[in-house]
Amino acid sequence: MIKNRNAAWALAFVGANIILFLIFFLGPALLGLYYSFTDYSGISASFIGLENYIELFQDSSFYGALFRTIVYAGIGVPLIYSVSLGVSLLLTSSKTRGKGLAKIAFFFPWLISPIIAGVIWRWLFGESFGFVNFILGSLGLGSVPWSSNGIMAFVVLFFATVWIGTAFNMLLFMSALVNIPKTYYDAAMIDGANTIQKFWHITLPALRPTSFMVVLLSVFNLMKEFPLIQSLTDGGPGSDTTLLVQYIYETGFNQLNIGYASAASMILFVLLMSFALLRLRGEKRWEN
């Protein structure tokens, strides 16, 4: 009787998740795929075949947004990984003092909305009103064109991205670090291994599953980043920080070219799916 009741509850929970997946994920995905073959503008849709995709692959703005997205993820993911791991190592070390306050400080960005985070960093690095330029001006160093220079705008974006991305990944790394058996380090110490050798031959291999998740989730988050960029740079100056999601938003909602934007979103979906499959395949090869 108890087993039947547990099985019924299990089926109920699984069924609820399947229904939610169909309604909120699979349904919109199939609808977006259909729209990508139409000229849908929010009112009516006519089937036009592959015209959206043909136009998309001839659009230099699309390639620019795609290139900036790849650069953003290619630089941002290693930064997030390195900072998250470094902070986790410090917070799990027995030599670190004030770990309680440090954990709160590093986890705080995860508790606020990315839009609020973007506003905070925009206030800090505003070109004419920002706190950082105010300090630099007070020191006689002159202001920095944080928002009118594309490279500097990207630098600020990376700062904000790492600040937000460190929090959750730090928790993943910390939970993995505390579960590494201490006997491994004791044995390495007896063999004369130094700190770097212990990190390279014990810590990093033990963190492989966690590292896989951190990299995978970070790539997904950065390739799909929208609210932080929208509130921090609004894609500017010009289109220097306009990534693929901003490009999709601009063409879909501002230009009401939803069919064309749906085609671009399908390209993004294929890129993310391809990366996930390649990453999984590489992980399985390494395990074998």
Protein backbone atom coordinates (compact mmCIF):
# COMPACT_ATOMS: atom_id res chain seq x y z
CA MET A 1 0.00 0.00 0.00
CA ILE A 2 2.79 2.40 0.95
CA LYS A 3 4.77 1.52 -2.18
CA ASN A 4 1.73 2.15 -4.37
CA ARG A 5 1.13 5.47 -2.66
CA ASN A 6 4.78 6.51 -3.13
CA ALA A 7 4.62 5.47 -6.79
CA ALA A 8 1.46 7.52 -7.27
CA TRP A 9 3.10 10.61 -5.75
CA ALA A 10 6.18 10.09 -7.90
CA LEU A 11 4.06 9.84 -11.05
CA ALA A 12 2.13 12.95 -10.03
CA PHE A 13 5.29 15.01 -9.60
CA VAL A 14 6.82 13.70 -12.82
CA GLY A 15 3.57 14.29 -14.70
CA ALA A 16 3.34 17.87 -13.41
CA ASN A 17 6.88 18.57 -14.61
CA ILE A 18 6.16 17.06 -18.02
CA ILE A 19 3.04 19.21 -18.39
CA LEU A 20 4.94 22.36 -17.40
CA PHE A 21 7.73 21.45 -19.83
CA LEU A 22 5.25 20.99 -22.68
CA ILE A 23 3.43 24.26 -21.95
CA PHE A 24 6.31 26.59 -21.18
CA PHE A 25 9.26 25.09 -23.12
CA LEU A 26 8.36 22.70 -25.92
CA GLY A 27 5.23 24.59 -27.00
CA PRO A 28 6.92 28.00 -27.37
CA ALA A 29 9.94 26.36 -29.04
CA LEU A 30 7.78 24.71 -31.70
CA LEU A 31 5.82 27.94 -32.16
CA GLY A 32 9.07 29.86 -32.64
CA LEU A 33 10.25 27.28 -35.16
CA TYR A 34 7.02 27.72 -37.10
CA TYR A 35 7.28 31.53 -36.99
CA SER A 36 10.83 31.33 -38.37
CA PHE A 37 9.36 30.09 -41.66
CA THR A 38 6.81 32.92 -41.84
CA ASP A 39 6.73 36.71 -42.16
CA TYR A 40 4.84 37.02 -38.87
CA SER A 41 4.71 40.61 -37.59
CA GLY A 42 2.41 40.11 -34.60
CA ILE A 43 -0.84 40.29 -36.56
CA SER A 44 -0.75 37.78 -39.40
CA ALA A 45 1.65 35.14 -40.66
CA SER A 46 2.30 33.88 -44.17
CA PHE A 47 4.54 30.90 -44.90
CA ILE A 48 7.69 32.05 -46.77
CA GLY A 49 9.92 28.99 -46.38
CA LEU A 50 13.63 29.63 -45.84
CA GLU A 51 13.59 33.32 -46.79
CA ASN A 52 14.22 34.47 -43.21
CA TYR A 53 17.26 32.21 -42.91
CA ILE A 54 18.62 33.27 -46.31
CA GLU A 55 18.26 36.92 -45.37
CA LEU A 56 19.75 36.26 -41.95
CA PHE A 57 22.93 34.71 -43.36
CA GLN A 58 23.34 37.75 -45.61
CA ASP A 59 22.93 40.24 -42.77
CA SER A 60 26.21 41.77 -41.56
CA SER A 61 24.49 43.00 -38.37
CA PHE A 62 23.64 39.40 -37.48
CA TYR A 63 27.26 38.30 -37.96
CA GLY A 64 28.43 41.24 -35.86
CA ALA A 65 26.09 40.34 -33.01
CA LEU A 66 27.07 36.67 -33.27
CA PHE A 67 30.79 37.52 -33.19
CA ARG A 68 30.38 39.77 -30.15
CA THR A 69 28.37 37.05 -28.40
CA ILE A 70 31.11 34.48 -28.98
CA VAL A 71 33.78 36.92 -27.76
CA TYR A 72 31.69 37.76 -24.70
CA ALA A 73 31.24 34.08 -23.80
CA GLY A 74 34.81 33.14 -24.78
CA ILE A 75 36.30 35.71 -22.40
CA GLY A 76 33.58 35.78 -19.75
CA VAL A 77 33.40 32.04 -19.06
CA PRO A 78 37.13 31.62 -18.20
CA LEU A 79 36.96 34.76 -16.05
CA ILE A 80 33.92 33.51 -14.15
CA TYR A 81 35.46 30.06 -13.74
CA SER A 82 38.80 31.39 -12.47
CA VAL A 83 37.35 33.96 -10.06
CA SER A 84 34.70 31.54 -8.72
CA LEU A 85 37.29 28.82 -8.11
CA GLY A 86 39.76 31.26 -6.54
CA VAL A 87 37.14 32.68 -4.18
CA SER A 88 35.98 29.17 -3.27
CA LEU A 89 39.52 28.08 -2.45
CA LEU A 90 39.95 31.09 -0.17
CA LEU A 91 36.60 30.57 1.58
CA THR A 92 37.27 26.88 2.23
CA SER A 93 40.83 27.41 3.46
CA SER A 94 41.44 27.01 7.17
CA LYS A 95 43.83 30.00 7.04
CA THR A 96 41.19 32.48 5.84
CA ARG A 97 39.65 34.81 8.42
CA GLY A 98 36.28 36.56 8.20
CA LYS A 99 34.79 33.88 5.96
CA GLY A 100 31.25 34.52 7.18
CA LEU A 101 31.15 38.14 6.02
CA ALA A 102 33.02 37.23 2.83
CA LYS A 103 30.43 34.59 1.91
CA ILE A 104 27.62 37.10 2.34
CA ALA A 105 29.45 39.72 0.28
CA PHE A 106 30.22 37.34 -2.58
CA PHE A 107 26.74 35.80 -2.60
CA PHE A 108 24.91 39.14 -2.50
CA PRO A 109 24.90 39.66 -6.33
CA TRP A 110 22.90 36.44 -6.73
CA LEU A 111 20.11 37.88 -4.59
CA ILE A 112 19.42 40.91 -6.78
CA SER A 113 17.92 41.17 -10.25
CA PRO A 114 20.34 41.43 -13.21
CA ILE A 115 18.53 44.65 -14.15
CA ILE A 116 19.30 46.13 -10.73
CA ALA A 117 22.88 44.92 -11.05
CA GLY A 118 23.16 46.67 -14.41
CA VAL A 119 21.83 49.90 -12.92
CA ILE A 120 24.35 49.67 -10.07
CA TRP A 121 27.28 49.23 -12.45
CA ARG A 122 25.94 51.95 -14.74
CA TRP A 123 25.90 54.29 -11.77
CA LEU A 124 29.43 53.29 -10.82
CA PHE A 125 30.88 53.64 -14.34
CA GLY A 126 28.70 56.38 -15.79
CA GLU A 127 30.82 58.63 -17.99
CA SER A 128 29.47 61.96 -16.77
CA PHE A 129 27.85 60.98 -13.46
CA GLY A 130 29.61 57.76 -12.38
CA PHE A 131 31.23 57.29 -9.00
CA VAL A 132 34.46 55.89 -10.50
CA ASN A 133 35.00 58.92 -12.75
CA PHE A 134 34.21 61.18 -9.80
CA ILE A 135 37.01 59.55 -7.81
CA LEU A 136 39.39 59.70 -10.77
CA GLY A 137 38.56 63.37 -11.28
CA SER A 138 39.14 64.08 -7.59
CA LEU A 139 42.60 62.54 -7.92
CA GLY A 140 43.32 64.65 -11.00
CA LEU A 141 43.47 61.66 -13.34
CA GLY A 142 40.65 62.70 -15.68
CA SER A 143 37.54 60.77 -16.63
CA VAL A 144 37.44 57.54 -18.64
CA PRO A 145 34.95 57.14 -21.55
CA TRP A 146 33.28 54.08 -20.06
CA SER A 147 30.08 54.41 -22.08
CA SER A 148 31.22 56.15 -25.29
CA ASN A 149 34.11 53.80 -26.06
CA GLY A 150 33.16 50.30 -27.21
CA ILE A 151 36.17 48.56 -25.64
CA MET A 152 35.72 50.28 -22.28
CA ALA A 153 31.99 49.47 -22.35
CA PHE A 154 32.88 45.82 -22.85
CA VAL A 155 35.38 46.00 -19.96
CA VAL A 156 32.65 47.30 -17.63
CA LEU A 157 30.32 44.57 -18.92
CA PHE A 158 32.90 41.90 -18.06
CA PHE A 159 33.32 43.34 -14.55
CA ALA A 160 29.57 43.18 -13.98
CA THR A 161 29.29 39.71 -15.51
CA VAL A 162 31.99 38.25 -13.26
CA TRP A 163 30.52 40.01 -10.23
CA ILE A 164 27.14 38.38 -10.84
CA GLY A 165 28.37 35.00 -12.12
CA THR A 166 30.76 34.32 -9.24
CA ALA A 167 28.08 33.92 -6.57
CA PHE A 168 26.26 30.76 -7.69
CA ASN A 169 29.36 29.06 -9.12
CA MET A 170 31.19 29.78 -5.88
CA LEU A 171 28.60 27.70 -4.01
CA LEU A 172 29.04 24.80 -6.46
CA PHE A 173 32.81 24.83 -6.07
CA MET A 174 32.66 25.18 -2.29
CA SER A 175 30.37 22.18 -1.90
CA ALA A 176 32.70 20.13 -4.11
CA LEU A 177 35.87 21.27 -2.33
CA VAL A 178 34.67 20.33 1.14
CA ASN A 179 33.83 16.81 -0.11
CA ILE A 180 37.36 16.04 -1.31
CA PRO A 181 38.81 13.50 1.17
CA LYS A 182 41.53 15.05 3.34
CA THR A 183 43.48 11.81 3.16
CA TYR A 184 44.45 12.64 -0.42
CA TYR A 185 46.19 15.81 0.71
CA ASP A 186 47.80 14.06 3.68
CA ALA A 187 49.23 11.38 1.42
CA ALA A 188 50.49 14.03 -1.03
CA MET A 189 52.14 15.92 1.83
CA ILE A 190 53.94 12.76 2.93
CA ASP A 191 55.19 12.34 -0.64
CA GLY A 192 56.57 15.89 -0.57
CA ALA A 193 54.04 17.55 -2.89
CA ASN A 194 53.82 21.33 -2.71
CA THR A 195 50.67 23.46 -2.84
CA ILE A 196 50.65 23.81 -6.64
CA GLN A 197 51.16 20.06 -7.17
CA LYS A 198 48.33 19.26 -4.76
CA PHE A 199 46.04 21.68 -6.56
CA TRP A 200 46.95 20.36 -10.01
CA HIS A 201 46.90 16.63 -9.26
CA ILE A 202 44.20 16.39 -6.55
CA THR A 203 41.91 19.42 -6.47
CA LEU A 204 41.36 19.98 -10.19
CA PRO A 205 40.69 16.29 -11.06
CA ALA A 206 38.27 16.04 -8.13
CA LEU A 207 36.44 19.13 -9.41
CA ARG A 208 35.93 17.81 -12.94
CA PRO A 209 32.15 17.15 -12.62
CA THR A 210 31.60 20.54 -10.99
CA SER A 211 33.81 22.27 -13.55
CA PHE A 212 31.76 20.69 -16.32
CA MET A 213 28.54 22.10 -14.87
CA VAL A 214 30.05 25.53 -14.22
CA VAL A 215 31.36 25.87 -17.76
CA LEU A 216 28.17 24.56 -19.35
CA LEU A 217 25.85 26.80 -17.32
CA SER A 218 28.12 29.81 -17.75
CA VAL A 219 28.17 29.42 -21.53
CA PHE A 220 24.37 29.15 -21.61
CA ASN A 221 23.92 32.17 -19.34
CA LEU A 222 26.34 34.40 -21.21
CA MET A 223 25.14 33.42 -24.69
CA LYS A 224 21.59 34.31 -23.59
CA GLU A 225 22.41 37.36 -21.48
CA PHE A 226 19.87 40.15 -21.90
CA PRO A 227 18.71 42.07 -18.78
CA LEU A 228 22.22 42.96 -17.54
CA ILE A 229 23.32 44.33 -20.92
CA GLN A 230 20.01 46.07 -21.53
CA SER A 231 20.19 47.99 -18.26
CA LEU A 232 23.95 48.56 -18.29
CA THR A 233 24.83 49.56 -21.87
CA ASP A 234 21.57 49.18 -23.85
CA GLY A 235 23.72 47.59 -26.55
CA GLY A 236 25.82 50.74 -26.98
CA PRO A 237 27.76 52.70 -27.79
CA GLY A 238 26.19 52.19 -31.20
CA SER A 239 26.01 48.42 -31.46
CA ASP A 240 29.38 47.67 -29.81
CA THR A 241 27.79 45.63 -26.98
CA THR A 242 24.75 44.41 -28.91
CA LEU A 243 24.80 40.63 -28.55
CA LEU A 244 22.64 38.06 -30.30
CA VAL A 245 19.78 38.22 -27.82
CA GLN A 246 19.69 42.03 -28.07
CA TYR A 247 19.67 41.67 -31.86
CA ILE A 248 16.71 39.26 -31.62
CA TYR A 249 14.86 41.64 -29.29
CA GLU A 250 15.51 44.62 -31.56
CA THR A 251 14.28 42.91 -34.72
CA GLY A 252 11.39 41.10 -33.06
CA PHE A 253 9.86 43.72 -30.77
CA ASN A 254 11.14 47.09 -31.95
CA GLN A 255 10.93 46.35 -35.69
CA LEU A 256 7.99 43.90 -35.32
CA ASN A 257 9.76 41.39 -37.57
CA ILE A 258 8.96 38.40 -35.38
CA GLY A 259 9.46 35.78 -38.08
CA TYR A 260 12.98 37.04 -38.79
CA ALA A 261 13.76 37.25 -35.04
CA SER A 262 12.48 33.68 -34.60
CA ALA A 263 14.93 32.50 -37.27
CA ALA A 264 17.78 34.19 -35.39
CA SER A 265 16.61 32.56 -32.14
CA MET A 266 16.67 29.14 -33.84
CA ILE A 267 20.29 29.75 -34.83
CA LEU A 268 21.10 30.56 -31.20
CA PHE A 269 19.31 27.38 -30.10
CA VAL A 270 21.36 25.28 -32.55
CA LEU A 271 24.60 26.86 -31.32
CA LEU A 272 23.80 26.17 -27.67
CA MET A 273 22.63 22.62 -28.38
CA SER A 274 25.75 21.91 -30.45
CA PHE A 275 28.01 23.17 -27.67
CA ALA A 276 26.17 21.08 -25.06
CA LEU A 277 26.44 17.91 -27.17
CA LEU A 278 30.13 18.47 -27.92
CA ARG A 279 30.82 19.16 -24.25
CA LEU A 280 28.99 15.99 -23.19
CA ARG A 281 30.82 13.94 -25.81
CA GLY A 282 34.17 15.33 -24.68
CA GLU A 283 33.35 14.58 -21.06
CA LYS A 284 32.45 10.97 -21.88
CA ARG A 285 35.65 10.51 -23.88
CA TRP A 286 37.70 11.84 -20.98
CA GLU A 287 35.97 9.47 -18.53
CA ASN A 288 36.55 6.50 -20.83
